[in-house]
ModelCIF file with pLDDT and N, C-alpha, C, O atoms, coordinates in Angstrom:
data_MODEL
#
_entry.id   MODEL 
#
_entity.id                         1 
_entity.type                       polymer 
_entity.pdbx_number_of_molecules   1 
#
_entity_poly.entity_id                      1 
_entity_poly.type                           'polypeptide(L)' 
_entity_poly.nstd_linkage                   no 
_entity_poly.nstd_monomer                   no 
_entity_poly.pdbx_seq_one_letter_code       SAFDEKEREIFMLKDELGRQKLATQALTRFLIEKGIIEAA 
_entity_poly.pdbx_seq_one_letter_code_can   SAFDEKEREIFMLKDELGRQKLATQALTRFLIEKGIIEAA 
_entity_poly.pdbx_strand_id                 A 
#
loop_
_entity_poly_seq.entity_id 
_entity_poly_seq.num 
_entity_poly_seq.mon_id 
_entity_poly_seq.hetero 
1 1  SER n 
1 2  ALA n 
1 3  PHE n 
1 4  ASP n 
1 5  GLU n 
1 6  LYS n 
1 7  GLU n 
1 8  ARG n 
1 9  GLU n 
1 10 ILE n 
1 11 PHE n 
1 12 MET n 
1 13 LEU n 
1 14 LYS n 
1 15 ASP n 
1 16 GLU n 
1 17 LEU n 
1 18 GLY n 
1 19 ARG n 
1 20 GLN n 
1 21 LYS n 
1 22 LEU n 
1 23 ALA n 
1 24 THR n 
1 25 GLN n 
1 26 ALA n 
1 27 LEU n 
1 28 THR n 
1 29 ARG n 
1 30 PHE n 
1 31 LEU n 
1 32 ILE n 
1 33 GLU n 
1 34 LYS n 
1 35 GLY n 
1 36 ILE n 
1 37 ILE n 
1 38 GLU n 
1 39 ALA n 
1 40 ALA n 
#
_struct_asym.id          A 
_struct_asym.entity_id   1 
#
loop_
_ma_qa_metric.id 
_ma_qa_metric.mode 
_ma_qa_metric.name 
_ma_qa_metric.software_group_id 
_ma_qa_metric.type 
1 global pLDDT . pLDDT 
2 local  pLDDT . pLDDT 
#
_ma_qa_metric_global.metric_id      1 
_ma_qa_metric_global.metric_value   95.08 
_ma_qa_metric_global.model_id       1 
_ma_qa_metric_global.ordinal_id     1 
#
loop_
_ma_qa_metric_local.label_asym_id 
_ma_qa_metric_local.label_comp_id 
_ma_qa_metric_local.label_seq_id 
_ma_qa_metric_local.metric_id 
_ma_qa_metric_local.metric_value 
_ma_qa_metric_local.model_id 
_ma_qa_metric_local.ordinal_id 
A SER 1  2 95.00 1 1  
A ALA 2  2 95.00 1 2  
A PHE 3  2 96.00 1 3  
A ASP 4  2 96.00 1 4  
A GLU 5  2 96.00 1 5  
A LYS 6  2 96.00 1 6  
A GLU 7  2 96.00 1 7  
A ARG 8  2 96.00 1 8  
A GLU 9  2 95.00 1 9  
A ILE 10 2 96.00 1 10 
A PHE 11 2 96.00 1 11 
A MET 12 2 96.00 1 12 
A LEU 13 2 94.00 1 13 
A LYS 14 2 96.00 1 14 
A ASP 15 2 96.00 1 15 
A GLU 16 2 95.00 1 16 
A LEU 17 2 93.00 1 17 
A GLY 18 2 95.00 1 18 
A ARG 19 2 96.00 1 19 
A GLN 20 2 94.00 1 20 
A LYS 21 2 94.00 1 21 
A LEU 22 2 96.00 1 22 
A ALA 23 2 95.00 1 23 
A THR 24 2 93.00 1 24 
A GLN 25 2 95.00 1 25 
A ALA 26 2 96.00 1 26 
A LEU 27 2 95.00 1 27 
A THR 28 2 94.00 1 28 
A ARG 29 2 95.00 1 29 
A PHE 30 2 96.00 1 30 
A LEU 31 2 95.00 1 31 
A ILE 32 2 95.00 1 32 
A GLU 33 2 95.00 1 33 
A LYS 34 2 95.00 1 34 
A GLY 35 2 95.00 1 35 
A ILE 36 2 94.00 1 36 
A ILE 37 2 94.00 1 37 
A GLU 38 2 95.00 1 38 
A ALA 39 2 94.00 1 39 
A ALA 40 2 94.00 1 40 
#
loop_
_atom_site.group_PDB 
_atom_site.id 
_atom_site.type_symbol 
_atom_site.label_atom_id 
_atom_site.label_alt_id 
_atom_site.label_comp_id 
_atom_site.label_asym_id 
_atom_site.label_entity_id 
_atom_site.label_seq_id 
_atom_site.pdbx_PDB_ins_code 
_atom_site.Cartn_x 
_atom_site.Cartn_y 
_atom_site.Cartn_z 
_atom_site.occupancy 
_atom_site.B_iso_or_equiv 
_atom_site.pdbx_formal_charge 
_atom_site.auth_seq_id 
_atom_site.auth_comp_id 
_atom_site.auth_asym_id 
_atom_site.auth_atom_id 
_atom_site.pdbx_PDB_model_num 
ATOM 1   N N  . SER A 1 1  ? 99.764 135.213 27.294 1.00 95.00 ? 1  SER A N  1 
ATOM 2   C CA . SER A 1 1  ? 99.465 134.664 28.618 1.00 95.00 ? 1  SER A CA 1 
ATOM 3   C C  . SER A 1 1  ? 97.966 134.739 28.906 1.00 95.00 ? 1  SER A C  1 
ATOM 4   O O  . SER A 1 1  ? 97.383 133.779 29.409 1.00 95.00 ? 1  SER A O  1 
ATOM 5   N N  . ALA A 1 2  ? 97.350 135.862 28.592 1.00 95.00 ? 2  ALA A N  1 
ATOM 6   C CA . ALA A 1 2  ? 95.902 136.009 28.791 1.00 95.00 ? 2  ALA A CA 1 
ATOM 7   C C  . ALA A 1 2  ? 95.144 135.017 27.917 1.00 95.00 ? 2  ALA A C  1 
ATOM 8   O O  . ALA A 1 2  ? 94.168 134.415 28.364 1.00 95.00 ? 2  ALA A O  1 
ATOM 9   N N  . PHE A 1 3  ? 95.585 134.844 26.686 1.00 96.00 ? 3  PHE A N  1 
ATOM 10  C CA . PHE A 1 3  ? 94.952 133.892 25.769 1.00 96.00 ? 3  PHE A CA 1 
ATOM 11  C C  . PHE A 1 3  ? 95.077 132.477 26.312 1.00 96.00 ? 3  PHE A C  1 
ATOM 12  O O  . PHE A 1 3  ? 94.102 131.725 26.310 1.00 96.00 ? 3  PHE A O  1 
ATOM 13  N N  . ASP A 1 4  ? 96.267 132.107 26.779 1.00 96.00 ? 4  ASP A N  1 
ATOM 14  C CA . ASP A 1 4  ? 96.487 130.767 27.332 1.00 96.00 ? 4  ASP A CA 1 
ATOM 15  C C  . ASP A 1 4  ? 95.593 130.518 28.542 1.00 96.00 ? 4  ASP A C  1 
ATOM 16  O O  . ASP A 1 4  ? 95.053 129.425 28.707 1.00 96.00 ? 4  ASP A O  1 
ATOM 17  N N  . GLU A 1 5  ? 95.440 131.537 29.388 1.00 96.00 ? 5  GLU A N  1 
ATOM 18  C CA . GLU A 1 5  ? 94.582 131.411 30.568 1.00 96.00 ? 5  GLU A CA 1 
ATOM 19  C C  . GLU A 1 5  ? 93.130 131.174 30.154 1.00 96.00 ? 5  GLU A C  1 
ATOM 20  O O  . GLU A 1 5  ? 92.440 130.352 30.757 1.00 96.00 ? 5  GLU A O  1 
ATOM 21  N N  . LYS A 1 6  ? 92.666 131.884 29.135 1.00 96.00 ? 6  LYS A N  1 
ATOM 22  C CA . LYS A 1 6  ? 91.293 131.688 28.649 1.00 96.00 ? 6  LYS A CA 1 
ATOM 23  C C  . LYS A 1 6  ? 91.129 130.292 28.060 1.00 96.00 ? 6  LYS A C  1 
ATOM 24  O O  . LYS A 1 6  ? 90.088 129.662 28.247 1.00 96.00 ? 6  LYS A O  1 
ATOM 25  N N  . GLU A 1 7  ? 92.137 129.807 27.357 1.00 96.00 ? 7  GLU A N  1 
ATOM 26  C CA . GLU A 1 7  ? 92.078 128.448 26.820 1.00 96.00 ? 7  GLU A CA 1 
ATOM 27  C C  . GLU A 1 7  ? 91.970 127.426 27.942 1.00 96.00 ? 7  GLU A C  1 
ATOM 28  O O  . GLU A 1 7  ? 91.194 126.475 27.840 1.00 96.00 ? 7  GLU A O  1 
ATOM 29  N N  . ARG A 1 8  ? 92.745 127.611 29.016 1.00 96.00 ? 8  ARG A N  1 
ATOM 30  C CA . ARG A 1 8  ? 92.668 126.698 30.168 1.00 96.00 ? 8  ARG A CA 1 
ATOM 31  C C  . ARG A 1 8  ? 91.280 126.751 30.794 1.00 96.00 ? 8  ARG A C  1 
ATOM 32  O O  . ARG A 1 8  ? 90.712 125.721 31.155 1.00 96.00 ? 8  ARG A O  1 
ATOM 33  N N  . GLU A 1 9  ? 90.743 127.953 30.918 1.00 95.00 ? 9  GLU A N  1 
ATOM 34  C CA . GLU A 1 9  ? 89.421 128.109 31.508 1.00 95.00 ? 9  GLU A CA 1 
ATOM 35  C C  . GLU A 1 9  ? 88.357 127.415 30.653 1.00 95.00 ? 9  GLU A C  1 
ATOM 36  O O  . GLU A 1 9  ? 87.469 126.750 31.187 1.00 95.00 ? 9  GLU A O  1 
ATOM 37  N N  . ILE A 1 10 ? 88.442 127.567 29.347 1.00 96.00 ? 10 ILE A N  1 
ATOM 38  C CA . ILE A 1 10 ? 87.489 126.910 28.445 1.00 96.00 ? 10 ILE A CA 1 
ATOM 39  C C  . ILE A 1 10 ? 87.610 125.396 28.569 1.00 96.00 ? 10 ILE A C  1 
ATOM 40  O O  . ILE A 1 10 ? 86.597 124.697 28.610 1.00 96.00 ? 10 ILE A O  1 
ATOM 41  N N  . PHE A 1 11 ? 88.842 124.880 28.630 1.00 96.00 ? 11 PHE A N  1 
ATOM 42  C CA . PHE A 1 11 ? 89.056 123.446 28.788 1.00 96.00 ? 11 PHE A CA 1 
ATOM 43  C C  . PHE A 1 11 ? 88.414 122.954 30.083 1.00 96.00 ? 11 PHE A C  1 
ATOM 44  O O  . PHE A 1 11 ? 87.740 121.924 30.094 1.00 96.00 ? 11 PHE A O  1 
ATOM 45  N N  . MET A 1 12 ? 88.626 123.698 31.180 1.00 96.00 ? 12 MET A N  1 
ATOM 46  C CA . MET A 1 12 ? 88.052 123.294 32.469 1.00 96.00 ? 12 MET A CA 1 
ATOM 47  C C  . MET A 1 12 ? 86.529 123.330 32.431 1.00 96.00 ? 12 MET A C  1 
ATOM 48  O O  . MET A 1 12 ? 85.874 122.443 32.980 1.00 96.00 ? 12 MET A O  1 
ATOM 49  N N  . LEU A 1 13 ? 85.963 124.345 31.790 1.00 94.00 ? 13 LEU A N  1 
ATOM 50  C CA . LEU A 1 13 ? 84.508 124.438 31.686 1.00 94.00 ? 13 LEU A CA 1 
ATOM 51  C C  . LEU A 1 13 ? 83.936 123.299 30.843 1.00 94.00 ? 13 LEU A C  1 
ATOM 52  O O  . LEU A 1 13 ? 82.893 122.740 31.181 1.00 94.00 ? 13 LEU A O  1 
ATOM 53  N N  . LYS A 1 14 ? 84.616 122.955 29.748 1.00 96.00 ? 14 LYS A N  1 
ATOM 54  C CA . LYS A 1 14 ? 84.162 121.827 28.929 1.00 96.00 ? 14 LYS A CA 1 
ATOM 55  C C  . LYS A 1 14 ? 84.233 120.530 29.721 1.00 96.00 ? 14 LYS A C  1 
ATOM 56  O O  . LYS A 1 14 ? 83.333 119.694 29.629 1.00 96.00 ? 14 LYS A O  1 
ATOM 57  N N  . ASP A 1 15 ? 85.295 120.359 30.497 1.00 96.00 ? 15 ASP A N  1 
ATOM 58  C CA . ASP A 1 15 ? 85.441 119.171 31.321 1.00 96.00 ? 15 ASP A CA 1 
ATOM 59  C C  . ASP A 1 15 ? 84.314 119.083 32.346 1.00 96.00 ? 15 ASP A C  1 
ATOM 60  O O  . ASP A 1 15 ? 83.705 118.028 32.518 1.00 96.00 ? 15 ASP A O  1 
ATOM 61  N N  . GLU A 1 16 ? 84.042 120.192 33.022 1.00 95.00 ? 16 GLU A N  1 
ATOM 62  C CA . GLU A 1 16 ? 82.957 120.237 34.008 1.00 95.00 ? 16 GLU A CA 1 
ATOM 63  C C  . GLU A 1 16 ? 81.609 119.953 33.348 1.00 95.00 ? 16 GLU A C  1 
ATOM 64  O O  . GLU A 1 16 ? 80.792 119.209 33.892 1.00 95.00 ? 16 GLU A O  1 
ATOM 65  N N  . LEU A 1 17 ? 81.382 120.534 32.200 1.00 93.00 ? 17 LEU A N  1 
ATOM 66  C CA . LEU A 1 17 ? 80.134 120.299 31.471 1.00 93.00 ? 17 LEU A CA 1 
ATOM 67  C C  . LEU A 1 17 ? 79.986 118.821 31.124 1.00 93.00 ? 17 LEU A C  1 
ATOM 68  O O  . LEU A 1 17 ? 78.898 118.258 31.251 1.00 93.00 ? 17 LEU A O  1 
ATOM 69  N N  . GLY A 1 18 ? 81.068 118.197 30.689 1.00 95.00 ? 18 GLY A N  1 
ATOM 70  C CA . GLY A 1 18 ? 81.024 116.770 30.364 1.00 95.00 ? 18 GLY A CA 1 
ATOM 71  C C  . GLY A 1 18 ? 80.667 115.927 31.572 1.00 95.00 ? 18 GLY A C  1 
ATOM 72  O O  . GLY A 1 18 ? 79.880 114.987 31.463 1.00 95.00 ? 18 GLY A O  1 
ATOM 73  N N  . ARG A 1 19 ? 81.244 116.257 32.736 1.00 96.00 ? 19 ARG A N  1 
ATOM 74  C CA . ARG A 1 19 ? 80.925 115.520 33.964 1.00 96.00 ? 19 ARG A CA 1 
ATOM 75  C C  . ARG A 1 19 ? 79.475 115.744 34.378 1.00 96.00 ? 19 ARG A C  1 
ATOM 76  O O  . ARG A 1 19 ? 78.813 114.810 34.828 1.00 96.00 ? 19 ARG A O  1 
ATOM 77  N N  . GLN A 1 20 ? 78.975 116.966 34.231 1.00 94.00 ? 20 GLN A N  1 
ATOM 78  C CA . GLN A 1 20 ? 77.579 117.248 34.574 1.00 94.00 ? 20 GLN A CA 1 
ATOM 79  C C  . GLN A 1 20 ? 76.626 116.531 33.632 1.00 94.00 ? 20 GLN A C  1 
ATOM 80  O O  . GLN A 1 20 ? 75.594 116.018 34.064 1.00 94.00 ? 20 GLN A O  1 
ATOM 81  N N  . LYS A 1 21 ? 76.962 116.492 32.350 1.00 94.00 ? 21 LYS A N  1 
ATOM 82  C CA . LYS A 1 21 ? 76.120 115.775 31.388 1.00 94.00 ? 21 LYS A CA 1 
ATOM 83  C C  . LYS A 1 21 ? 76.066 114.289 31.727 1.00 94.00 ? 21 LYS A C  1 
ATOM 84  O O  . LYS A 1 21 ? 75.003 113.672 31.663 1.00 94.00 ? 21 LYS A O  1 
ATOM 85  N N  . LEU A 1 22 ? 77.211 113.719 32.086 1.00 96.00 ? 22 LEU A N  1 
ATOM 86  C CA . LEU A 1 22 ? 77.255 112.306 32.455 1.00 96.00 ? 22 LEU A CA 1 
ATOM 87  C C  . LEU A 1 22 ? 76.396 112.049 33.688 1.00 96.00 ? 22 LEU A C  1 
ATOM 88  O O  . LEU A 1 22 ? 75.606 111.105 33.708 1.00 96.00 ? 22 LEU A O  1 
ATOM 89  N N  . ALA A 1 23 ? 76.545 112.882 34.712 1.00 95.00 ? 23 ALA A N  1 
ATOM 90  C CA . ALA A 1 23 ? 75.764 112.702 35.942 1.00 95.00 ? 23 ALA A CA 1 
ATOM 91  C C  . ALA A 1 23 ? 74.271 112.838 35.671 1.00 95.00 ? 23 ALA A C  1 
ATOM 92  O O  . ALA A 1 23 ? 73.468 112.065 36.194 1.00 95.00 ? 23 ALA A O  1 
ATOM 93  N N  . THR A 1 24 ? 73.901 113.817 34.856 1.00 93.00 ? 24 THR A N  1 
ATOM 94  C CA . THR A 1 24 ? 72.488 114.018 34.528 1.00 93.00 ? 24 THR A CA 1 
ATOM 95  C C  . THR A 1 24 ? 71.934 112.824 33.758 1.00 93.00 ? 24 THR A C  1 
ATOM 96  O O  . THR A 1 24 ? 70.839 112.342 34.050 1.00 93.00 ? 24 THR A O  1 
ATOM 97  N N  . GLN A 1 25 ? 72.687 112.354 32.782 1.00 95.00 ? 25 GLN A N  1 
ATOM 98  C CA . GLN A 1 25 ? 72.253 111.197 31.991 1.00 95.00 ? 25 GLN A CA 1 
ATOM 99  C C  . GLN A 1 25 ? 72.123 109.952 32.870 1.00 95.00 ? 25 GLN A C  1 
ATOM 100 O O  . GLN A 1 25 ? 71.143 109.214 32.765 1.00 95.00 ? 25 GLN A O  1 
ATOM 101 N N  . ALA A 1 26 ? 73.111 109.724 33.733 1.00 96.00 ? 26 ALA A N  1 
ATOM 102 C CA . ALA A 1 26 ? 73.077 108.558 34.615 1.00 96.00 ? 26 ALA A CA 1 
ATOM 103 C C  . ALA A 1 26 ? 71.887 108.637 35.567 1.00 96.00 ? 26 ALA A C  1 
ATOM 104 O O  . ALA A 1 26 ? 71.181 107.648 35.758 1.00 96.00 ? 26 ALA A O  1 
ATOM 105 N N  . LEU A 1 27 ? 71.662 109.797 36.161 1.00 95.00 ? 27 LEU A N  1 
ATOM 106 C CA . LEU A 1 27 ? 70.546 109.968 37.090 1.00 95.00 ? 27 LEU A CA 1 
ATOM 107 C C  . LEU A 1 27 ? 69.208 109.775 36.379 1.00 95.00 ? 27 LEU A C  1 
ATOM 108 O O  . LEU A 1 27 ? 68.304 109.129 36.908 1.00 95.00 ? 27 LEU A O  1 
ATOM 109 N N  . THR A 1 28 ? 69.092 110.334 35.188 1.00 94.00 ? 28 THR A N  1 
ATOM 110 C CA . THR A 1 28 ? 67.860 110.184 34.409 1.00 94.00 ? 28 THR A CA 1 
ATOM 111 C C  . THR A 1 28 ? 67.586 108.710 34.116 1.00 94.00 ? 28 THR A C  1 
ATOM 112 O O  . THR A 1 28 ? 66.477 108.225 34.338 1.00 94.00 ? 28 THR A O  1 
ATOM 113 N N  . ARG A 1 29 ? 68.581 108.013 33.626 1.00 95.00 ? 29 ARG A N  1 
ATOM 114 C CA . ARG A 1 29 ? 68.412 106.587 33.334 1.00 95.00 ? 29 ARG A CA 1 
ATOM 115 C C  . ARG A 1 29 ? 68.079 105.792 34.589 1.00 95.00 ? 29 ARG A C  1 
ATOM 116 O O  . ARG A 1 29 ? 67.226 104.905 34.561 1.00 95.00 ? 29 ARG A O  1 
ATOM 117 N N  . PHE A 1 30 ? 68.753 106.111 35.690 1.00 96.00 ? 30 PHE A N  1 
ATOM 118 C CA . PHE A 1 30 ? 68.513 105.414 36.949 1.00 96.00 ? 30 PHE A CA 1 
ATOM 119 C C  . PHE A 1 30 ? 67.060 105.577 37.388 1.00 96.00 ? 30 PHE A C  1 
ATOM 120 O O  . PHE A 1 30 ? 66.398 104.601 37.741 1.00 96.00 ? 30 PHE A O  1 
ATOM 121 N N  . LEU A 1 31 ? 66.569 106.818 37.363 1.00 95.00 ? 31 LEU A N  1 
ATOM 122 C CA . LEU A 1 31 ? 65.195 107.076 37.792 1.00 95.00 ? 31 LEU A CA 1 
ATOM 123 C C  . LEU A 1 31 ? 64.184 106.343 36.909 1.00 95.00 ? 31 LEU A C  1 
ATOM 124 O O  . LEU A 1 31 ? 63.194 105.806 37.407 1.00 95.00 ? 31 LEU A O  1 
ATOM 125 N N  . ILE A 1 32 ? 64.432 106.321 35.609 1.00 95.00 ? 32 ILE A N  1 
ATOM 126 C CA . ILE A 1 32 ? 63.519 105.649 34.684 1.00 95.00 ? 32 ILE A CA 1 
ATOM 127 C C  . ILE A 1 32 ? 63.595 104.133 34.859 1.00 95.00 ? 32 ILE A C  1 
ATOM 128 O O  . ILE A 1 32 ? 62.562 103.467 34.926 1.00 95.00 ? 32 ILE A O  1 
ATOM 129 N N  . GLU A 1 33 ? 64.812 103.581 34.935 1.00 95.00 ? 33 GLU A N  1 
ATOM 130 C CA . GLU A 1 33 ? 64.979 102.133 35.072 1.00 95.00 ? 33 GLU A CA 1 
ATOM 131 C C  . GLU A 1 33 ? 64.440 101.613 36.396 1.00 95.00 ? 33 GLU A C  1 
ATOM 132 O O  . GLU A 1 33 ? 63.949 100.485 36.447 1.00 95.00 ? 33 GLU A O  1 
ATOM 133 N N  . LYS A 1 34 ? 64.513 102.389 37.459 1.00 95.00 ? 34 LYS A N  1 
ATOM 134 C CA . LYS A 1 34 ? 63.986 101.986 38.759 1.00 95.00 ? 34 LYS A CA 1 
ATOM 135 C C  . LYS A 1 34 ? 62.473 102.169 38.839 1.00 95.00 ? 34 LYS A C  1 
ATOM 136 O O  . LYS A 1 34 ? 61.849 101.782 39.827 1.00 95.00 ? 34 LYS A O  1 
ATOM 137 N N  . GLY A 1 35 ? 61.885 102.759 37.802 1.00 95.00 ? 35 GLY A N  1 
ATOM 138 C CA . GLY A 1 35 ? 60.435 102.963 37.783 1.00 95.00 ? 35 GLY A CA 1 
ATOM 139 C C  . GLY A 1 35 ? 59.981 104.110 38.661 1.00 95.00 ? 35 GLY A C  1 
ATOM 140 O O  . GLY A 1 35 ? 58.793 104.223 38.961 1.00 95.00 ? 35 GLY A O  1 
ATOM 141 N N  . ILE A 1 36 ? 60.893 104.955 39.074 1.00 94.00 ? 36 ILE A N  1 
ATOM 142 C CA . ILE A 1 36 ? 60.547 106.099 39.919 1.00 94.00 ? 36 ILE A CA 1 
ATOM 143 C C  . ILE A 1 36 ? 59.781 107.137 39.107 1.00 94.00 ? 36 ILE A C  1 
ATOM 144 O O  . ILE A 1 36 ? 58.889 107.813 39.619 1.00 94.00 ? 36 ILE A O  1 
ATOM 145 N N  . ILE A 1 37 ? 60.142 107.249 37.843 1.00 94.00 ? 37 ILE A N  1 
ATOM 146 C CA . ILE A 1 37 ? 59.468 108.180 36.939 1.00 94.00 ? 37 ILE A CA 1 
ATOM 147 C C  . ILE A 1 37 ? 59.500 107.574 35.539 1.00 94.00 ? 37 ILE A C  1 
ATOM 148 O O  . ILE A 1 37 ? 60.425 106.841 35.189 1.00 94.00 ? 37 ILE A O  1 
ATOM 149 N N  . GLU A 1 38 ? 58.487 107.887 34.748 1.00 95.00 ? 38 GLU A N  1 
ATOM 150 C CA . GLU A 1 38 ? 58.463 107.408 33.366 1.00 95.00 ? 38 GLU A CA 1 
ATOM 151 C C  . GLU A 1 38 ? 59.104 108.458 32.461 1.00 95.00 ? 38 GLU A C  1 
ATOM 152 O O  . GLU A 1 38 ? 59.092 109.651 32.765 1.00 95.00 ? 38 GLU A O  1 
ATOM 153 N N  . ALA A 1 39 ? 59.657 107.998 31.354 1.00 94.00 ? 39 ALA A N  1 
ATOM 154 C CA . ALA A 1 39 ? 60.366 108.896 30.438 1.00 94.00 ? 39 ALA A CA 1 
ATOM 155 C C  . ALA A 1 39 ? 59.467 110.037 29.970 1.00 94.00 ? 39 ALA A C  1 
ATOM 156 O O  . ALA A 1 39 ? 59.912 111.183 29.915 1.00 94.00 ? 39 ALA A O  1 
ATOM 157 N N  . ALA A 1 40 ? 58.217 109.745 29.634 1.00 94.00 ? 40 ALA A N  1 
ATOM 158 C CA . ALA A 1 40 ? 57.296 110.781 29.157 1.00 94.00 ? 40 ALA A CA 1 
ATOM 159 C C  . ALA A 1 40 ? 56.998 111.789 30.259 1.00 94.00 ? 40 ALA A C  1 
ATOM 160 O O  . ALA A 1 40 ? 56.241 112.735 30.043 1.00 94.00 ? 40 ALA A O  1 
#
């Protein structure tokens, strides 16, 4: 049961990380494409 709970927690953390990576990537691209900031 403890092992299963840790597996669920890891799955949730990976899911959250994936959503954060997507949001960060989208925001970065948006800022660059809008000319708000340059990639360099």
